[in-house]
């Protein structure tokens, strides 16, 4: 499977929810929902976690994708990911990087190659 990078710089193809979705693995998705509910102090069901990545035109998308400001912005600007944006790195993205520094590293690498 080719590496798929989300708009925010997360590697979709390395995400356990994406992998479980691609494999149609209900048991793995249940474990993802349970783990993320604890990690993010929320209540997620397996149905909340099915995801084909934010570039999928028809979904399914992780429950957060419907409210993700980074995804909405990237789709509005029609960029492959934020590294391709003229406003890189905006405030929304900088805040996200404080939680996911690996996404910044990956987007910085992509941007350097543009």
Protein backbone atom coordinates (compact mmCIF):
# COMPACT_ATOMS: atom_id res chain seq x y z
CA UNK A 1 0.00 0.00 0.00
CA UNK A 2 1.34 3.44 -0.93
CA UNK A 3 2.01 5.87 1.88
CA UNK A 4 -0.99 8.18 2.32
CA UNK A 5 -0.42 11.52 4.05
CA UNK A 6 -3.35 13.40 5.55
CA UNK A 7 -3.84 17.11 5.05
CA UNK A 8 -2.41 17.78 8.52
CA UNK A 9 0.66 15.61 8.03
CA UNK A 10 -0.49 12.47 9.81
CA UNK A 11 0.47 9.30 7.97
CA UNK A 12 -2.92 7.69 7.36
CA UNK A 13 -1.42 4.40 6.24
CA UNK A 14 0.32 4.04 9.64
CA UNK A 15 -2.85 4.81 11.63
CA UNK A 16 -4.44 1.85 13.41
CA UNK A 17 -7.96 3.08 12.53
CA UNK A 18 -7.05 3.36 8.84
CA UNK A 19 -5.43 -0.08 8.88
CA UNK A 20 -8.43 -1.67 10.64
CA UNK A 21 -10.76 0.00 8.11
CA UNK A 22 -8.78 -1.27 5.14
CA UNK A 23 -8.76 -4.77 6.63
CA UNK A 24 -12.43 -4.57 7.69
CA UNK A 25 -11.21 -5.74 11.10
CA UNK A 26 -13.99 -5.11 13.62
CA UNK A 27 -12.01 -6.51 16.56
CA UNK A 28 -9.01 -4.26 15.86
CA UNK A 29 -11.33 -1.26 15.51
CA UNK A 30 -12.90 -2.02 18.88
CA UNK A 31 -9.44 -1.93 20.43
CA UNK A 32 -8.66 1.38 18.69
CA UNK A 33 -11.89 2.94 19.99
CA UNK A 34 -11.18 1.70 23.51
CA UNK A 35 -7.57 2.91 23.49
CA UNK A 36 -8.35 6.33 22.01
CA UNK A 37 -11.26 6.84 24.42
CA UNK A 38 -8.77 6.53 27.26
CA UNK A 39 -5.95 8.49 25.59
CA UNK A 40 -8.15 11.41 24.54
CA UNK A 41 -10.54 11.31 27.52
CA UNK A 42 -13.63 10.85 25.37
CA UNK A 43 -16.15 8.17 24.47
CA UNK A 44 -15.53 6.65 21.05
CA UNK A 45 -17.29 3.68 19.59
CA UNK A 46 -15.82 1.54 16.82
CA UNK A 47 -18.25 3.26 14.43
CA UNK A 48 -16.61 6.60 15.30
CA UNK A 49 -13.21 5.34 14.19
CA UNK A 50 -13.75 3.83 10.73
CA UNK A 51 -11.63 5.92 8.37
CA UNK A 52 -10.37 5.83 4.79
CA UNK A 53 -8.28 8.95 5.35
CA UNK A 54 -9.18 12.59 4.91
CA UNK A 55 -8.54 12.44 1.16
CA UNK A 56 -11.33 9.93 0.68
CA UNK A 57 -14.18 11.61 -1.18
CA UNK A 58 -16.89 9.34 0.17
CA UNK A 59 -15.54 8.36 3.60
CA UNK A 60 -15.85 6.87 6.01
CA UNK A 61 -13.91 9.38 8.05
CA UNK A 62 -12.95 9.36 11.70
CA UNK A 63 -15.63 11.16 13.75
CA UNK A 64 -13.29 14.11 14.39
CA UNK A 65 -12.89 14.75 10.65
CA UNK A 66 -16.33 16.33 10.45
CA UNK A 67 -15.17 19.12 12.78
CA UNK A 68 -11.46 19.22 11.88
CA UNK A 69 -10.59 22.81 10.94
CA UNK A 70 -7.32 21.75 9.33
CA UNK A 71 -9.06 19.24 7.05
CA UNK A 72 -11.78 21.76 6.15
CA UNK A 73 -9.20 24.43 5.33
CA UNK A 74 -7.09 22.06 3.22
CA UNK A 75 -10.13 20.89 1.29
CA UNK A 76 -11.28 24.48 0.75
CA UNK A 77 -7.84 25.42 -0.59
CA UNK A 78 -7.63 22.17 -2.57
CA UNK A 79 -4.11 21.36 -1.34
CA UNK A 80 -2.69 17.85 -1.18
CA UNK A 81 -1.55 18.60 2.36
CA UNK A 82 -0.64 21.67 4.39
CA UNK A 83 2.96 21.67 3.13
CA UNK A 84 1.54 22.81 -0.22
CA UNK A 85 -0.28 25.80 1.31
CA UNK A 86 0.95 29.38 0.84
CA UNK A 87 0.10 30.04 4.51
CA UNK A 88 2.17 27.15 5.91
CA UNK A 89 2.36 26.90 8.89
CA UNK A 90 -0.74 28.72 10.09
CA UNK A 91 -1.91 29.06 13.69
CA UNK A 92 -4.27 26.06 13.45
CA UNK A 93 -1.44 23.89 12.25
CA UNK A 94 1.09 25.20 14.75
CA UNK A 95 -1.29 24.34 17.59
CA UNK A 96 -1.76 20.84 16.15
CA UNK A 97 2.03 20.39 15.92
CA UNK A 98 2.30 20.87 19.68
CA UNK A 99 0.36 17.59 20.03
CA UNK A 100 1.81 15.77 17.01
CA UNK A 101 5.39 16.92 16.32
CA UNK A 102 5.94 14.07 13.83
CA UNK A 103 3.37 15.68 11.53
CA UNK A 104 5.44 18.88 11.49
CA UNK A 105 8.59 16.94 10.67
CA UNK A 106 6.89 15.20 7.74
CA UNK A 107 5.27 18.37 6.37
CA UNK A 108 8.57 20.26 6.70
CA UNK A 109 10.27 17.51 4.67
CA UNK A 110 7.56 17.64 1.99
CA UNK A 111 7.71 21.43 1.83
CA UNK A 112 11.50 21.39 1.47
CA UNK A 113 11.11 19.22 -1.65
CA UNK A 114 8.58 21.51 -3.35
